[in-house]
Amino acid sequence: MTLLDHQKLLVKSTVPALTKHGEEITRVFYQRMFAAHPEIAPMFNQDDQKNGEQPKRLAAAILAYAGNLDRLDLLGPAVSKIEHRHVATKVRPEHYPIVGKYLLVAIKEVLGDAATPEILEAWGVAYNELAQIMIGHEAAIYAQQEKEQEQEEEVAAV
């Protein structure tokens, strides 16, 4: 599903709330996700979870995404860094729906009635679009790593 113009406006309309409540949203997000999927927790730096750095980084990334929906090219370097971190920690496509689910749960829990069904739907579509972009880029990184490993094995076999 493609993010429609009115959905972009809805996502952008949440920027003030994300500015005010972003870290709380991401703290709730991680708590709910790790409680339901403890197998995912090792993919995240637990020291950064405890000291609050990971929730701060995610809150900043979500805010940047919401504020730049029309200029995603501005986020290229930051997104590339995240994608490489994802590959290093073995994030796979099947993890993205889990993250998306608990992001929406956290937005609803923290923002309450301000997170209308329309806003949650718009955020779901926006998240899925970004997830598909990242999955594609990460697949290319994984493929490049596999190719490099095969080349190293061929050299070692000679």
Protein backbone atom coordinates (compact mmCIF):
# COMPACT_ATOMS: atom_id res chain seq x y z
CA MET A 1 0.00 0.00 0.00
CA THR A 2 1.36 3.41 -0.97
CA LEU A 3 1.30 6.33 1.44
CA LEU A 4 -1.33 8.73 0.12
CA ASP A 5 -1.00 12.51 0.33
CA HIS A 6 -3.62 12.83 3.06
CA GLN A 7 -1.79 10.12 5.04
CA LYS A 8 1.49 12.02 4.69
CA LEU A 9 -0.27 15.05 6.15
CA LEU A 10 -1.57 12.94 9.03
CA VAL A 11 1.92 11.57 9.79
CA LYS A 12 3.40 15.07 9.58
CA SER A 13 0.68 16.33 11.92
CA THR A 14 2.11 14.06 14.62
CA VAL A 15 5.52 15.81 14.62
CA PRO A 16 4.65 18.06 17.62
CA ALA A 17 3.44 15.03 19.61
CA LEU A 18 6.55 13.06 18.60
CA THR A 19 8.74 15.96 19.66
CA LYS A 20 7.07 16.00 23.07
CA HIS A 21 6.47 12.26 23.62
CA GLY A 22 8.90 10.49 21.27
CA GLU A 23 11.18 9.05 23.93
CA GLU A 24 8.23 7.84 25.97
CA ILE A 25 6.78 6.20 22.84
CA THR A 26 10.05 4.42 22.12
CA ARG A 27 10.51 3.30 25.74
CA VAL A 28 6.99 1.80 25.71
CA PHE A 29 7.70 0.32 22.27
CA TYR A 30 10.80 -1.55 23.48
CA GLN A 31 9.11 -2.71 26.71
CA ARG A 32 6.10 -4.15 24.87
CA MET A 33 8.11 -5.66 22.02
CA PHE A 34 10.72 -7.31 24.26
CA ALA A 35 8.01 -8.67 26.57
CA ALA A 36 6.23 -10.31 23.62
CA HIS A 37 9.38 -11.23 21.64
CA PRO A 38 12.35 -11.70 23.98
CA GLU A 39 14.27 -13.36 21.15
CA ILE A 40 14.63 -9.93 19.53
CA ALA A 41 16.23 -8.23 22.54
CA PRO A 42 19.78 -9.50 21.81
CA MET A 43 19.72 -7.59 18.51
CA PHE A 44 19.79 -4.38 20.52
CA ASN A 45 22.59 -3.00 22.67
CA GLN A 46 21.24 -3.64 26.15
CA ASP A 47 23.53 -1.05 27.74
CA ASP A 48 22.02 1.53 25.40
CA GLN A 49 18.57 0.29 26.38
CA LYS A 50 19.33 0.75 30.08
CA ASN A 51 20.94 4.17 29.77
CA GLY A 52 18.19 5.41 27.43
CA GLU A 53 20.38 6.00 24.38
CA GLN A 54 18.58 3.47 22.16
CA PRO A 55 15.11 4.92 22.81
CA LYS A 56 16.51 8.43 22.19
CA ARG A 57 18.06 7.36 18.88
CA LEU A 58 14.87 5.67 17.73
CA ALA A 59 12.76 8.66 18.78
CA ALA A 60 15.05 10.97 16.79
CA ALA A 61 14.88 8.66 13.76
CA ILE A 62 11.07 8.48 13.87
CA LEU A 63 10.84 12.25 14.22
CA ALA A 64 13.24 12.79 11.30
CA TYR A 65 11.23 10.38 9.15
CA ALA A 66 7.91 12.04 9.98
CA GLY A 67 9.31 15.48 9.30
CA ASN A 68 10.94 14.56 6.00
CA LEU A 69 8.39 12.34 4.26
CA ASP A 70 8.63 14.51 1.16
CA ARG A 71 12.43 14.62 1.24
CA LEU A 72 13.56 11.13 2.19
CA ASP A 73 16.79 11.75 0.28
CA LEU A 74 17.86 13.97 3.19
CA LEU A 75 17.79 10.90 5.42
CA GLY A 76 20.01 8.77 3.16
CA PRO A 77 23.20 8.77 5.26
CA ALA A 78 21.34 8.16 8.52
CA VAL A 79 19.22 5.37 7.01
CA SER A 80 22.32 3.76 5.49
CA LYS A 81 23.97 3.71 8.92
CA ILE A 82 20.88 2.06 10.41
CA GLU A 83 20.76 -0.51 7.59
CA HIS A 84 24.39 -1.48 8.15
CA ARG A 85 23.73 -1.79 11.89
CA HIS A 86 20.72 -4.00 11.10
CA VAL A 87 22.86 -6.29 8.94
CA ALA A 88 25.54 -6.46 11.63
CA THR A 89 22.93 -7.60 14.16
CA LYS A 90 21.23 -10.01 11.70
CA VAL A 91 17.92 -8.18 11.35
CA ARG A 92 15.77 -10.04 8.82
CA PRO A 93 12.62 -9.07 6.88
CA GLU A 94 10.43 -11.05 9.26
CA HIS A 95 11.41 -8.74 12.13
CA TYR A 96 9.91 -5.65 10.49
CA PRO A 97 6.22 -6.54 11.01
CA ILE A 98 6.93 -7.15 14.70
CA VAL A 99 8.58 -3.75 15.05
CA GLY A 100 5.74 -2.08 13.14
CA LYS A 101 3.09 -3.69 15.33
CA TYR A 102 4.67 -2.56 18.58
CA LEU A 103 5.46 0.91 17.26
CA LEU A 104 1.74 1.42 16.60
CA VAL A 105 0.86 -0.09 19.99
CA ALA A 106 3.21 2.36 21.69
CA ILE A 107 1.95 5.36 19.73
CA LYS A 108 -1.62 4.50 20.71
CA GLU A 109 -0.71 3.82 24.34
CA VAL A 110 1.21 7.05 24.81
CA LEU A 111 -0.89 9.42 22.72
CA GLY A 112 -4.24 7.90 23.69
CA ASP A 113 -7.25 9.35 21.88
CA ALA A 114 -5.00 11.74 19.94
CA ALA A 115 -3.81 8.66 18.01
CA THR A 116 -6.95 8.30 15.94
CA PRO A 117 -7.55 5.23 13.78
CA GLU A 118 -6.71 7.38 10.74
CA ILE A 119 -3.38 8.48 12.24
CA LEU A 120 -2.50 4.91 13.20
CA GLU A 121 -3.38 3.68 9.72
CA ALA A 122 -1.24 6.42 8.16
CA TRP A 123 1.67 5.55 10.44
CA GLY A 124 1.25 1.87 9.58
CA VAL A 125 1.47 2.62 5.86
CA ALA A 126 4.40 5.02 6.38
CA TYR A 127 6.26 2.45 8.47
CA ASN A 128 5.64 -0.31 5.92
CA GLU A 129 6.95 1.86 3.09
CA LEU A 130 10.14 2.62 4.99
CA ALA A 131 10.47 -1.04 6.02
CA GLN A 132 10.27 -2.17 2.38
CA ILE A 133 12.98 0.31 1.39
CA MET A 134 15.23 -0.85 4.22
CA ILE A 135 14.58 -4.55 3.54
CA GLY A 136 15.64 -4.03 -0.08
CA HIS A 137 18.80 -2.15 0.85
CA GLU A 138 19.68 -4.66 3.56
CA ALA A 139 19.18 -7.55 1.12
CA ALA A 140 21.76 -5.91 -1.16
CA ILE A 141 24.20 -5.57 1.75
CA TYR A 142 23.69 -9.22 2.74
CA ALA A 143 24.22 -10.29 -0.89
CA GLN A 144 27.43 -8.25 -1.13
CA GLN A 145 28.72 -9.81 2.08
CA GLU A 146 27.96 -13.31 0.78
CA LYS A 147 29.74 -12.55 -2.49
CA GLU A 148 32.80 -11.25 -0.63
CA GLN A 149 32.83 -14.33 1.61
CA GLU A 150 32.63 -16.65 -1.41
CA GLN A 151 35.54 -14.82 -3.02
CA GLU A 152 37.59 -15.12 0.17
CA GLU A 153 36.83 -18.85 0.33
CA GLU A 154 37.88 -19.27 -3.31
CA VAL A 155 41.18 -17.50 -2.63
CA ALA A 156 41.76 -19.58 0.49
CA ALA A 157 41.12 -22.79 -1.47
CA VAL A 158 43.80 -21.97 -4.05
